[in-house]
Amino acid sequence: MAKLSQDLHRYFIESPPPEMETVSLAALLDQAGERIFGFLLVILSLPSALPIPAPGYSTPFGVALFLLAMQLIAGKTTPWLPNKIMHYQIPLPQAQGVIKAGIPWLKRIEAISRPRLLPICTSTPGRVILGMAIALMAISMMIPIPGTNTLPAMGIFVVGFGLLDDDGAICLGGLVLCLMGAILSTSIIAALVWGGTSLYDTLKEGLKSLFQ
């Protein structure tokens, strides 16, 4: 089976169809193959997981990810999304920019990914736990507050890649990122509600001091 990074690069960067001016999720699904759930989780979380600005995507894609998480929990094998989300059009240059930025990250995970610890990503209890983590991170992505999007999206991205390749070890790594995302988002919301300094602000100030 061809690697996801190769499929995306070939179809959207190397030789996109001449008539393609925009990209929809429905078009992306043509590249999905068998593991559609993992593919959708990776693609929908990618714009927010990257360390580049992706304004306007976190909320609608967060809604889509939440719907997928609920279906994962319910034991569905074929995902469903509303037509409005499936046919939401993204300008091709914008999609290419996200895909170009995401391919190096995809390749890093592909280099270590292989089927292992299968019950984590194939058994009903495992998929329920993964679905619950994804649902919480999707809710965090929908919150319009700086700092509550990137780390949760990274957690979903890694879990999705684990599901894509039936790699339970990578799914566990994604759960760790989801836990970190939950802690970070909770600290930001708590700081806004009760005052004080959030973990996000502390980390940001710490990074600033390192580069001064």
N, C-alpha and C. Protein backbone atom coordinates (compact mmCIF):
# COMPACT_ATOMS: atom_id res chain seq x y z
N MET A 1 0.84 -1.19 0.00
CA MET A 1 0.00 0.00 0.00
C MET A 1 0.87 1.24 0.00
N ALA A 2 0.59 2.19 -0.92
CA ALA A 2 1.38 3.40 -1.01
C ALA A 2 1.23 4.23 0.26
N LYS A 3 2.28 4.94 0.60
CA LYS A 3 2.24 5.77 1.80
C LYS A 3 1.41 7.02 1.55
N LEU A 4 0.78 7.51 2.62
CA LEU A 4 -0.09 8.67 2.50
C LEU A 4 0.66 9.88 1.98
N SER A 5 1.88 10.11 2.46
CA SER A 5 2.65 11.28 2.02
C SER A 5 2.89 11.21 0.51
N GLN A 6 3.16 10.02 -0.02
CA GLN A 6 3.40 9.86 -1.45
C GLN A 6 2.13 10.12 -2.25
N ASP A 7 1.00 9.59 -1.77
CA ASP A 7 -0.27 9.79 -2.46
C ASP A 7 -0.64 11.27 -2.52
N LEU A 8 -0.52 11.96 -1.40
CA LEU A 8 -0.88 13.38 -1.35
C LEU A 8 0.04 14.21 -2.23
N HIS A 9 1.33 13.93 -2.17
CA HIS A 9 2.29 14.69 -2.98
C HIS A 9 2.03 14.47 -4.47
N ARG A 10 1.80 13.23 -4.85
CA ARG A 10 1.59 12.92 -6.27
C ARG A 10 0.32 13.58 -6.80
N TYR A 11 -0.76 13.51 -6.02
CA TYR A 11 -2.06 13.96 -6.52
C TYR A 11 -2.22 15.48 -6.44
N PHE A 12 -1.70 16.10 -5.37
CA PHE A 12 -1.97 17.52 -5.17
C PHE A 12 -0.78 18.45 -5.47
N ILE A 13 0.43 17.91 -5.47
CA ILE A 13 1.61 18.75 -5.70
C ILE A 13 2.26 18.44 -7.05
N GLU A 14 2.54 17.16 -7.27
CA GLU A 14 3.30 16.76 -8.45
C GLU A 14 2.48 16.87 -9.74
N SER A 15 1.27 16.31 -9.73
CA SER A 15 0.46 16.33 -10.96
C SER A 15 -1.02 16.43 -10.64
N PRO A 16 -1.47 17.57 -10.11
CA PRO A 16 -2.91 17.73 -9.87
C PRO A 16 -3.66 17.78 -11.19
N PRO A 17 -4.92 17.33 -11.22
CA PRO A 17 -5.71 17.40 -12.44
C PRO A 17 -5.77 18.83 -12.97
N PRO A 18 -5.66 19.05 -14.27
CA PRO A 18 -5.63 20.41 -14.85
C PRO A 18 -6.84 21.26 -14.46
N GLU A 19 -8.00 20.62 -14.29
CA GLU A 19 -9.23 21.37 -14.00
C GLU A 19 -9.38 21.69 -12.51
N MET A 20 -8.48 21.18 -11.68
CA MET A 20 -8.63 21.37 -10.23
C MET A 20 -8.24 22.79 -9.81
N GLU A 21 -9.19 23.54 -9.30
CA GLU A 21 -8.93 24.87 -8.76
C GLU A 21 -9.16 24.93 -7.26
N THR A 22 -10.01 24.03 -6.78
CA THR A 22 -10.28 23.93 -5.35
C THR A 22 -10.20 22.46 -4.94
N VAL A 23 -10.10 22.25 -3.62
CA VAL A 23 -10.01 20.90 -3.08
C VAL A 23 -11.13 20.71 -2.07
N SER A 24 -11.82 19.60 -2.14
CA SER A 24 -12.85 19.27 -1.16
C SER A 24 -12.47 18.00 -0.43
N LEU A 25 -13.11 17.77 0.70
CA LEU A 25 -12.86 16.56 1.47
C LEU A 25 -13.27 15.33 0.67
N ALA A 26 -14.32 15.47 -0.14
CA ALA A 26 -14.76 14.36 -0.98
C ALA A 26 -13.65 13.95 -1.95
N ALA A 27 -12.94 14.95 -2.51
CA ALA A 27 -11.84 14.66 -3.42
C ALA A 27 -10.69 13.98 -2.68
N LEU A 28 -10.44 14.43 -1.47
CA LEU A 28 -9.36 13.83 -0.68
C LEU A 28 -9.65 12.37 -0.36
N LEU A 29 -10.93 12.04 -0.17
CA LEU A 29 -11.28 10.67 0.18
C LEU A 29 -10.96 9.67 -0.92
N ASP A 30 -10.81 10.17 -2.14
CA ASP A 30 -10.41 9.28 -3.23
C ASP A 30 -9.03 8.70 -3.00
N GLN A 31 -8.24 9.34 -2.13
CA GLN A 31 -6.89 8.87 -1.82
C GLN A 31 -6.86 8.00 -0.56
N ALA A 32 -8.01 7.78 0.06
CA ALA A 32 -8.04 7.18 1.40
C ALA A 32 -7.77 5.68 1.42
N GLY A 33 -8.23 4.97 0.39
CA GLY A 33 -8.09 3.52 0.45
C GLY A 33 -9.05 2.93 1.48
N GLU A 34 -8.58 1.94 2.23
CA GLU A 34 -9.45 1.19 3.13
C GLU A 34 -9.67 1.87 4.48
N ARG A 35 -8.65 2.49 5.04
CA ARG A 35 -8.75 2.99 6.41
C ARG A 35 -9.21 4.44 6.42
N ILE A 36 -10.51 4.63 6.14
CA ILE A 36 -11.04 5.98 5.95
C ILE A 36 -11.05 6.76 7.25
N PHE A 37 -11.35 6.12 8.38
CA PHE A 37 -11.41 6.83 9.66
C PHE A 37 -10.06 7.49 9.96
N GLY A 38 -8.99 6.70 9.91
CA GLY A 38 -7.68 7.25 10.21
C GLY A 38 -7.30 8.35 9.23
N PHE A 39 -7.62 8.16 7.95
CA PHE A 39 -7.31 9.15 6.93
C PHE A 39 -8.01 10.48 7.24
N LEU A 40 -9.31 10.41 7.54
CA LEU A 40 -10.06 11.63 7.83
C LEU A 40 -9.51 12.35 9.06
N LEU A 41 -9.16 11.60 10.10
CA LEU A 41 -8.62 12.22 11.31
C LEU A 41 -7.31 12.93 11.01
N VAL A 42 -6.46 12.30 10.21
CA VAL A 42 -5.17 12.92 9.86
C VAL A 42 -5.39 14.19 9.04
N ILE A 43 -6.22 14.11 8.00
CA ILE A 43 -6.42 15.23 7.09
C ILE A 43 -7.10 16.41 7.79
N LEU A 44 -8.13 16.13 8.59
CA LEU A 44 -8.89 17.21 9.22
C LEU A 44 -8.12 17.89 10.36
N SER A 45 -7.23 17.16 11.00
CA SER A 45 -6.46 17.77 12.10
C SER A 45 -5.18 18.43 11.60
N LEU A 46 -4.74 18.08 10.38
CA LEU A 46 -3.45 18.56 9.88
C LEU A 46 -3.31 20.08 9.86
N PRO A 47 -4.28 20.85 9.33
CA PRO A 47 -4.08 22.31 9.28
C PRO A 47 -3.85 22.94 10.65
N SER A 48 -4.58 22.48 11.67
CA SER A 48 -4.44 23.05 13.01
C SER A 48 -3.24 22.49 13.76
N ALA A 49 -2.77 21.29 13.37
CA ALA A 49 -1.64 20.68 14.06
C ALA A 49 -0.31 21.25 13.62
N LEU A 50 -0.27 21.86 12.44
CA LEU A 50 0.99 22.39 11.93
C LEU A 50 1.36 23.70 12.61
N PRO A 51 2.66 23.96 12.78
CA PRO A 51 3.10 25.23 13.38
C PRO A 51 3.08 26.38 12.39
N ILE A 52 1.99 26.47 11.61
CA ILE A 52 1.80 27.56 10.67
C ILE A 52 0.38 28.07 10.85
N PRO A 53 0.13 29.36 10.55
CA PRO A 53 -1.22 29.89 10.70
C PRO A 53 -2.21 29.18 9.79
N ALA A 54 -3.35 28.78 10.35
CA ALA A 54 -4.41 28.16 9.55
C ALA A 54 -5.76 28.70 10.03
N PRO A 55 -5.97 30.01 9.87
CA PRO A 55 -7.19 30.62 10.39
C PRO A 55 -8.44 30.09 9.72
N GLY A 56 -9.49 29.89 10.51
CA GLY A 56 -10.78 29.50 9.97
C GLY A 56 -11.03 28.01 9.87
N TYR A 57 -10.02 27.19 10.14
CA TYR A 57 -10.19 25.75 9.98
C TYR A 57 -10.51 25.03 11.29
N SER A 58 -10.04 25.54 12.41
CA SER A 58 -10.15 24.80 13.67
C SER A 58 -11.59 24.50 14.04
N THR A 59 -12.49 25.49 13.91
CA THR A 59 -13.87 25.27 14.34
C THR A 59 -14.63 24.31 13.42
N PRO A 60 -14.70 24.55 12.09
CA PRO A 60 -15.45 23.60 11.25
C PRO A 60 -14.83 22.21 11.22
N PHE A 61 -13.50 22.14 11.20
CA PHE A 61 -12.86 20.83 11.21
C PHE A 61 -12.99 20.17 12.58
N GLY A 62 -13.03 20.99 13.64
CA GLY A 62 -13.27 20.45 14.98
C GLY A 62 -14.64 19.80 15.08
N VAL A 63 -15.64 20.43 14.46
CA VAL A 63 -16.99 19.84 14.43
C VAL A 63 -16.96 18.50 13.71
N ALA A 64 -16.29 18.47 12.55
CA ALA A 64 -16.21 17.22 11.78
C ALA A 64 -15.49 16.13 12.58
N LEU A 65 -14.41 16.50 13.25
CA LEU A 65 -13.66 15.53 14.06
C LEU A 65 -14.49 15.01 15.22
N PHE A 66 -15.30 15.88 15.82
CA PHE A 66 -16.18 15.44 16.91
C PHE A 66 -17.20 14.42 16.40
N LEU A 67 -17.77 14.68 15.22
CA LEU A 67 -18.73 13.73 14.63
C LEU A 67 -18.06 12.38 14.36
N LEU A 68 -16.83 12.41 13.86
CA LEU A 68 -16.10 11.17 13.60
C LEU A 68 -15.81 10.43 14.90
N ALA A 69 -15.46 11.18 15.95
CA ALA A 69 -15.17 10.55 17.25
C ALA A 69 -16.40 9.84 17.79
N MET A 70 -17.58 10.47 17.66
CA MET A 70 -18.81 9.84 18.13
C MET A 70 -19.10 8.54 17.37
N GLN A 71 -18.81 8.55 16.08
CA GLN A 71 -19.03 7.34 15.28
C GLN A 71 -18.02 6.25 15.63
N LEU A 72 -16.80 6.67 15.96
CA LEU A 72 -15.78 5.71 16.39
C LEU A 72 -16.22 5.04 17.70
N ILE A 73 -16.75 5.85 18.62
CA ILE A 73 -17.24 5.32 19.90
C ILE A 73 -18.41 4.37 19.68
N ALA A 74 -19.27 4.71 18.72
CA ALA A 74 -20.46 3.90 18.44
C ALA A 74 -20.15 2.62 17.68
N GLY A 75 -18.88 2.45 17.27
CA GLY A 75 -18.49 1.23 16.58
C GLY A 75 -18.74 1.23 15.09
N LYS A 76 -18.96 2.41 14.52
CA LYS A 76 -19.19 2.48 13.06
C LYS A 76 -17.90 2.14 12.32
N THR A 77 -18.04 1.48 11.19
CA THR A 77 -16.88 1.15 10.36
C THR A 77 -16.77 2.05 9.14
N THR A 78 -17.89 2.68 8.77
CA THR A 78 -17.87 3.62 7.64
C THR A 78 -18.28 5.00 8.15
N PRO A 79 -17.40 5.98 8.05
CA PRO A 79 -17.71 7.30 8.60
C PRO A 79 -18.72 8.06 7.75
N TRP A 80 -19.44 8.97 8.40
CA TRP A 80 -20.39 9.84 7.71
C TRP A 80 -20.14 11.27 8.13
N LEU A 81 -20.18 12.19 7.17
CA LEU A 81 -20.07 13.62 7.45
C LEU A 81 -21.11 14.35 6.60
N PRO A 82 -21.64 15.47 7.10
CA PRO A 82 -22.63 16.23 6.31
C PRO A 82 -22.05 16.68 4.97
N ASN A 83 -22.93 16.79 3.97
CA ASN A 83 -22.49 17.21 2.63
C ASN A 83 -21.79 18.56 2.65
N LYS A 84 -22.25 19.45 3.54
CA LYS A 84 -21.65 20.79 3.60
C LYS A 84 -20.17 20.69 3.96
N ILE A 85 -19.82 19.75 4.84
CA ILE A 85 -18.42 19.56 5.22
C ILE A 85 -17.68 18.81 4.13
N MET A 86 -18.32 17.77 3.56
CA MET A 86 -17.67 16.95 2.54
C MET A 86 -17.31 17.77 1.30
N HIS A 87 -18.15 18.77 0.98
CA HIS A 87 -17.94 19.53 -0.25
C HIS A 87 -17.49 20.96 0.02
N TYR A 88 -17.01 21.21 1.22
CA TYR A 88 -16.43 22.52 1.54
C TYR A 88 -15.17 22.72 0.68
N GLN A 89 -15.15 23.81 -0.08
CA GLN A 89 -14.08 24.02 -1.06
C GLN A 89 -12.94 24.87 -0.48
N ILE A 90 -11.72 24.35 -0.64
CA ILE A 90 -10.51 25.06 -0.22
C ILE A 90 -9.72 25.38 -1.48
N PRO A 91 -9.29 26.64 -1.68
CA PRO A 91 -8.49 26.96 -2.86
C PRO A 91 -7.26 26.06 -2.96
N LEU A 92 -6.98 25.57 -4.17
CA LEU A 92 -5.88 24.62 -4.36
C LEU A 92 -4.54 25.13 -3.81
N PRO A 93 -4.15 26.40 -4.07
CA PRO A 93 -2.85 26.86 -3.53
C PRO A 93 -2.78 26.80 -2.01
N GLN A 94 -3.92 27.09 -1.35
CA GLN A 94 -3.95 27.02 0.11
C GLN A 94 -3.82 25.58 0.58
N ALA A 95 -4.53 24.66 -0.08
CA ALA A 95 -4.43 23.24 0.28
C ALA A 95 -3.02 22.72 0.02
N GLN A 96 -2.41 23.13 -1.08
CA GLN A 96 -1.05 22.70 -1.39
C GLN A 96 -0.06 23.19 -0.34
N GLY A 97 -0.28 24.41 0.17
CA GLY A 97 0.60 24.94 1.21
C GLY A 97 0.54 24.10 2.48
N VAL A 98 -0.67 23.71 2.88
CA VAL A 98 -0.84 22.88 4.07
C VAL A 98 -0.22 21.50 3.84
N ILE A 99 -0.48 20.92 2.66
CA ILE A 99 0.04 19.58 2.37
C ILE A 99 1.57 19.59 2.32
N LYS A 100 2.16 20.61 1.70
CA LYS A 100 3.62 20.72 1.64
C LYS A 100 4.22 20.81 3.03
N ALA A 101 3.59 21.60 3.89
CA ALA A 101 4.09 21.74 5.26
C ALA A 101 3.90 20.46 6.07
N GLY A 102 2.86 19.69 5.74
CA GLY A 102 2.56 18.49 6.52
C GLY A 102 3.31 17.25 6.08
N ILE A 103 3.74 17.20 4.83
CA ILE A 103 4.40 15.99 4.31
C ILE A 103 5.65 15.60 5.11
N PRO A 104 6.54 16.54 5.49
CA PRO A 104 7.70 16.12 6.30
C PRO A 104 7.29 15.45 7.62
N TRP A 105 6.22 15.94 8.24
CA TRP A 105 5.74 15.32 9.49
C TRP A 105 5.16 13.95 9.22
N LEU A 106 4.43 13.82 8.12
CA LEU A 106 3.89 12.51 7.74
C LEU A 106 5.01 11.50 7.52
N LYS A 107 6.07 11.94 6.83
CA LYS A 107 7.18 11.04 6.54
C LYS A 107 7.88 10.58 7.82
N ARG A 108 7.99 11.47 8.80
CA ARG A 108 8.64 11.09 10.06
C ARG A 108 7.86 9.97 10.75
N ILE A 109 6.53 10.10 10.76
CA ILE A 109 5.72 9.07 11.41
C ILE A 109 5.70 7.80 10.58
N GLU A 110 5.65 7.94 9.26
CA GLU A 110 5.64 6.76 8.38
C GLU A 110 6.92 5.93 8.55
N ALA A 111 8.02 6.61 8.87
CA ALA A 111 9.30 5.91 9.00
C ALA A 111 9.30 4.93 10.17
N ILE A 112 8.47 5.19 11.19
CA ILE A 112 8.46 4.31 12.37
C ILE A 112 7.16 3.53 12.51
N SER A 113 6.22 3.78 11.60
CA SER A 113 4.89 3.18 11.72
C SER A 113 4.85 1.77 11.14
N ARG A 114 4.19 0.87 11.88
CA ARG A 114 3.96 -0.50 11.40
C ARG A 114 2.85 -1.12 12.26
N PRO A 115 2.16 -2.13 11.76
CA PRO A 115 1.12 -2.77 12.57
C PRO A 115 1.69 -3.39 13.85
N ARG A 116 1.19 -2.99 15.02
CA ARG A 116 1.62 -3.53 16.30
C ARG A 116 0.61 -3.11 17.37
N LEU A 117 0.62 -3.83 18.49
CA LEU A 117 -0.34 -3.56 19.58
C LEU A 117 -1.75 -3.36 19.01
N LEU A 118 -2.17 -4.30 18.17
CA LEU A 118 -3.41 -4.15 17.41
C LEU A 118 -4.66 -3.93 18.26
N PRO A 119 -4.81 -4.55 19.45
CA PRO A 119 -6.04 -4.33 20.22
C PRO A 119 -6.31 -2.86 20.55
N ILE A 120 -5.26 -2.06 20.64
CA ILE A 120 -5.45 -0.65 20.99
C ILE A 120 -6.23 0.08 19.90
N CYS A 121 -6.00 -0.29 18.65
CA CYS A 121 -6.67 0.44 17.56
C CYS A 121 -7.72 -0.37 16.82
N THR A 122 -7.87 -1.66 17.16
CA THR A 122 -8.86 -2.48 16.45
C THR A 122 -9.96 -3.03 17.34
N SER A 123 -9.71 -3.17 18.65
CA SER A 123 -10.73 -3.71 19.55
C SER A 123 -11.76 -2.64 19.89
N THR A 124 -12.95 -3.08 20.28
CA THR A 124 -14.01 -2.13 20.65
C THR A 124 -13.61 -1.24 21.82
N PRO A 125 -13.09 -1.79 22.95
CA PRO A 125 -12.69 -0.90 24.06
C PRO A 125 -11.60 0.10 23.65
N GLY A 126 -10.65 -0.36 22.83
CA GLY A 126 -9.58 0.53 22.40
C GLY A 126 -10.11 1.67 21.56
N ARG A 127 -10.99 1.38 20.64
CA ARG A 127 -11.53 2.42 19.76
C ARG A 127 -12.45 3.37 20.52
N VAL A 128 -13.14 2.87 21.55
CA VAL A 128 -13.96 3.74 22.38
C VAL A 128 -13.09 4.75 23.13
N ILE A 129 -11.99 4.28 23.71
CA ILE A 129 -11.07 5.19 24.42
C ILE A 129 -10.48 6.22 23.47
N LEU A 130 -10.05 5.76 22.30
CA LEU A 130 -9.50 6.69 21.32
C LEU A 130 -10.56 7.71 20.88
N GLY A 131 -11.79 7.23 20.67
CA GLY A 131 -12.86 8.12 20.27
C GLY A 131 -13.16 9.18 21.33
N MET A 132 -13.14 8.78 22.59
CA MET A 132 -13.40 9.74 23.67
C MET A 132 -12.31 10.81 23.72
N ALA A 133 -11.05 10.39 23.55
CA ALA A 133 -9.94 11.35 23.55
C ALA A 133 -10.06 12.31 22.38
N ILE A 134 -10.40 11.78 21.20
CA ILE A 134 -10.55 12.62 20.02
C ILE A 134 -11.70 13.61 20.21
N ALA A 135 -12.81 13.15 20.79
CA ALA A 135 -13.96 14.03 21.01
C ALA A 135 -13.58 15.21 21.91
N LEU A 136 -12.86 14.94 23.00
CA LEU A 136 -12.46 16.02 23.91
C LEU A 136 -11.51 16.99 23.22
N MET A 137 -10.58 16.47 22.42
CA MET A 137 -9.65 17.35 21.71
C MET A 137 -10.36 18.15 20.62
N ALA A 138 -11.37 17.56 19.99
CA ALA A 138 -12.14 18.28 18.98
C ALA A 138 -12.89 19.45 19.61
N ILE A 139 -13.44 19.23 20.80
CA ILE A 139 -14.11 20.32 21.53
C ILE A 139 -13.12 21.43 21.82
N SER A 140 -11.91 21.07 22.24
CA SER A 140 -10.88 22.07 22.52
C SER A 140 -10.53 22.85 21.26
N MET A 141 -10.48 22.17 20.11
CA MET A 141 -10.19 22.86 18.85
C MET A 141 -11.25 23.89 18.50
N MET A 142 -12.48 23.65 18.92
CA MET A 142 -13.58 24.56 18.60
C MET A 142 -13.61 25.80 19.48
N ILE A 143 -12.84 25.81 20.56
CA ILE A 143 -12.82 26.96 21.46
C ILE A 143 -11.97 28.06 20.83
N PRO A 144 -12.54 29.25 20.60
CA PRO A 144 -11.80 30.32 19.91
C PRO A 144 -10.84 31.07 20.85
N ILE A 145 -9.92 30.34 21.45
CA ILE A 145 -8.96 30.92 22.38
C ILE A 145 -7.56 30.46 21.95
N PRO A 146 -6.61 31.39 21.80
CA PRO A 146 -5.25 30.98 21.41
C PRO A 146 -4.67 29.95 22.38
N GLY A 147 -4.05 28.92 21.82
CA GLY A 147 -3.41 27.90 22.64
C GLY A 147 -4.23 26.64 22.84
N THR A 148 -5.53 26.69 22.49
CA THR A 148 -6.39 25.53 22.71
C THR A 148 -6.57 24.69 21.44
N ASN A 149 -5.85 25.02 20.39
CA ASN A 149 -6.05 24.34 19.11
C ASN A 149 -4.91 23.41 18.71
N THR A 150 -3.67 23.92 18.76
CA THR A 150 -2.55 23.21 18.13
C THR A 150 -2.24 21.87 18.78
N LEU A 151 -2.02 21.86 20.09
CA LEU A 151 -1.65 20.60 20.76
C LEU A 151 -2.78 19.57 20.70
N PRO A 152 -4.04 19.95 20.94
CA PRO A 152 -5.12 18.97 20.75
C PRO A 152 -5.17 18.42 19.32
N ALA A 153 -4.97 19.29 18.33
CA ALA A 153 -4.97 18.83 16.94
C ALA A 153 -3.81 17.87 16.68
N MET A 154 -2.66 18.13 17.28
CA MET A 154 -1.52 17.23 17.14
C MET A 154 -1.85 15.85 17.72
N GLY A 155 -2.55 15.84 18.86
CA GLY A 155 -2.95 14.57 19.45
C GLY A 155 -3.86 13.78 18.53
N ILE A 156 -4.85 14.46 17.93
CA ILE A 156 -5.76 13.79 16.99
C ILE A 156 -4.99 13.30 15.77
N PHE A 157 -4.08 14.14 15.27
CA PHE A 157 -3.29 13.78 14.09
C PHE A 157 -2.51 12.48 14.34
N VAL A 158 -1.87 12.36 15.48
CA VAL A 158 -1.05 11.18 15.77
C VAL A 158 -1.95 9.95 15.99
N VAL A 159 -3.04 10.12 16.72
CA VAL A 159 -3.99 9.00 16.90
C VAL A 159 -4.52 8.55 15.54
N GLY A 160 -4.88 9.51 14.69
CA GLY A 160 -5.39 9.17 13.37
C GLY A 160 -4.39 8.39 12.55
N PHE A 161 -3.12 8.79 12.66
CA PHE A 161 -2.10 8.07 11.90
C PHE A 161 -1.93 6.65 12.45
N GLY A 162 -2.06 6.48 13.76
CA GLY A 162 -2.01 5.14 14.33
C GLY A 162 -3.13 4.27 13.81
N LEU A 163 -4.33 4.84 13.71
CA LEU A 163 -5.47 4.09 13.15
C LEU A 163 -5.25 3.79 11.67
N LEU A 164 -4.65 4.73 10.97
CA LEU A 164 -4.41 4.56 9.54
C LEU A 164 -3.52 3.35 9.26
N ASP A 165 -2.51 3.15 10.11
CA ASP A 165 -1.55 2.06 9.91
C ASP A 165 -1.70 0.92 10.92
N ASP A 166 -2.81 0.91 11.68
CA ASP A 166 -3.02 -0.13 12.70
C ASP A 166 -1.84 -0.21 13.67
N ASP A 167 -1.33 0.95 14.06
CA ASP A 167 -0.17 1.01 14.95
C ASP A 167 -0.62 1.48 16.33
N GLY A 168 -0.79 0.52 17.25
CA GLY A 168 -1.24 0.83 18.59
C GLY A 168 -0.24 1.67 19.37
N ALA A 169 1.06 1.51 19.08
CA ALA A 169 2.07 2.29 19.79
C ALA A 169 1.95 3.77 19.44
N ILE A 170 1.72 4.06 18.17
CA ILE A 170 1.54 5.46 17.76
C ILE A 170 0.24 6.01 18.34
N CYS A 171 -0.81 5.18 18.40
CA CYS A 171 -2.06 5.61 19.03
C CYS A 171 -1.82 5.99 20.49
N LEU A 172 -1.02 5.21 21.20
CA LEU A 172 -0.69 5.53 22.60
C LEU A 172 0.04 6.86 22.68
N GLY A 173 0.98 7.08 21.75
CA GLY A 173 1.66 8.38 21.72
C GLY A 173 0.68 9.52 21.49
N GLY A 174 -0.30 9.29 20.62
CA GLY A 174 -1.33 10.30 20.40
C GLY A 174 -2.16 10.56 21.64
N LEU A 175 -2.46 9.51 22.41
CA LEU A 175 -3.21 9.69 23.66
C LEU A 175 -2.43 10.54 24.66
N VAL A 176 -1.10 10.35 24.70
CA VAL A 176 -0.26 11.17 25.58
C VAL A 176 -0.37 12.64 25.16
N LEU A 177 -0.30 12.90 23.85
CA LEU A 177 -0.45 14.27 23.36
C LEU A 177 -1.83 14.83 23.68
N CYS A 178 -2.86 13.99 23.58
CA CYS A 178 -4.22 14.42 23.93
C CYS A 178 -4.30 14.81 25.40
N LEU A 179 -3.67 14.02 26.28
CA LEU A 179 -3.65 14.35 27.70
C LEU A 179 -2.95 15.68 27.93
N MET A 180 -1.81 15.88 27.28
CA MET A 180 -1.10 17.15 27.40
C MET A 180 -1.95 18.31 26.88
N GLY A 181 -2.66 18.06 25.76
CA GLY A 181 -3.54 19.09 25.22
C GLY A 181 -4.67 19.43 26.16
N ALA A 182 -5.22 18.41 26.83
CA ALA A 182 -6.30 18.65 27.79
C ALA A 182 -5.80 19.48 28.98
N ILE A 183 -4.61 19.17 29.47
CA ILE A 183 -4.03 19.92 30.59
C ILE A 183 -3.79 21.37 30.18
N LEU A 184 -3.22 21.56 28.99
CA LEU A 184 -2.92 22.91 28.52
C LEU A 184 -4.20 23.72 28.33
N SER A 185 -5.20 23.14 27.66
CA SER A 185 -6.45 23.86 27.41
C SER A 185 -7.17 24.19 28.71
N THR A 186 -7.18 23.24 29.65
CA THR A 186 -7.83 23.48 30.94
C THR A 186 -7.15 24.62 31.69
N SER A 187 -5.82 24.67 31.64
CA SER A 187 -5.10 25.74 32.34
C SER A 187 -5.39 27.11 31.72
N ILE A 188 -5.53 27.14 30.38
CA ILE A 188 -5.84 28.41 29.70
C ILE A 188 -7.23 28.89 30.09
N ILE A 189 -8.21 27.98 30.06
CA ILE A 189 -9.59 28.36 30.42
C ILE A 189 -9.66 28.77 31.88
N ALA A 190 -8.97 28.03 32.75
CA ALA A 190 -8.98 28.37 34.18
C ALA A 190 -8.37 29.74 34.42
N ALA A 191 -7.30 30.06 33.69
CA ALA A 191 -6.67 31.37 33.85
C ALA A 191 -7.60 32.48 33.40
N LEU A 192 -8.38 32.24 32.35
CA LEU A 192 -9.33 33.25 31.88
C LEU A 192 -10.50 33.43 32.84
N VAL A 193 -10.95 32.33 33.43
CA VAL A 193 -12.12 32.40 34.32
C VAL A 193 -11.75 32.94 35.69
N TRP A 194 -10.65 32.41 36.26
CA TRP A 194 -10.31 32.78 37.63
C TRP A 194 -9.10 33.72 37.74
N GLY A 195 -8.52 34.04 36.60
CA GLY A 195 -7.34 34.89 36.64
C GLY A 195 -6.08 34.08 36.87
N GLY A 196 -4.95 34.73 36.78
CA GLY A 196 -3.68 34.05 36.97
C GLY A 196 -3.01 33.77 35.65
N THR A 197 -1.94 33.03 35.69
CA THR A 197 -1.15 32.72 34.50
C THR A 197 -1.41 31.30 34.05
N SER A 198 -1.72 31.14 32.77
CA SER A 198 -1.97 29.80 32.25
C SER A 198 -0.65 29.12 31.91
N LEU A 199 -0.72 27.79 31.76
CA LEU A 199 0.45 27.03 31.35
C LEU A 199 0.93 27.50 29.98
N TYR A 200 0.00 27.88 29.11
CA TYR A 200 0.35 28.38 27.78
C TYR A 200 1.19 29.64 27.89
N ASP A 201 0.76 30.59 28.73
CA ASP A 201 1.52 31.84 28.90
C ASP A 201 2.88 31.57 29.52
N THR A 202 2.93 30.65 30.48
CA THR A 202 4.20 30.31 31.11
C THR A 202 5.19 29.74 30.10
N LEU A 203 4.70 28.82 29.26
CA LEU A 203 5.56 28.23 28.24
C LEU A 203 6.00 29.27 27.21
N LYS A 204 5.08 30.15 26.84
CA LYS A 204 5.40 31.18 25.85
C LYS A 204 6.47 32.13 26.37
N GLU A 205 6.33 32.55 27.63
CA GLU A 205 7.33 33.44 28.23
C GLU A 205 8.67 32.73 28.38
N GLY A 206 8.62 31.44 28.72
CA GLY A 206 9.86 30.67 28.86
C GLY A 206 10.61 30.57 27.55
N LEU A 207 9.85 30.34 26.45
CA LEU A 207 10.48 30.26 25.14
C LEU A 207 11.06 31.60 24.71
N LYS A 208 10.34 32.67 25.03
CA LYS A 208 10.84 34.01 24.69
C LYS A 208 12.16 34.29 25.36
N SER A 209 12.24 33.92 26.67
CA SER A 209 13.46 34.19 27.42
C SER A 209 14.65 33.39 26.88
N LEU A 210 14.37 32.20 26.30
CA LEU A 210 15.45 31.38 25.75
C LEU A 210 16.07 32.01 24.52
N PHE A 211 15.26 32.75 23.75
CA PHE A 211 15.74 33.29 22.47
C PHE A 211 16.08 34.77 22.55
N GLN A 212 16.10 35.32 23.75
CA GLN A 212 16.49 36.72 23.93
C GLN A 212 17.96 36.86 24.23
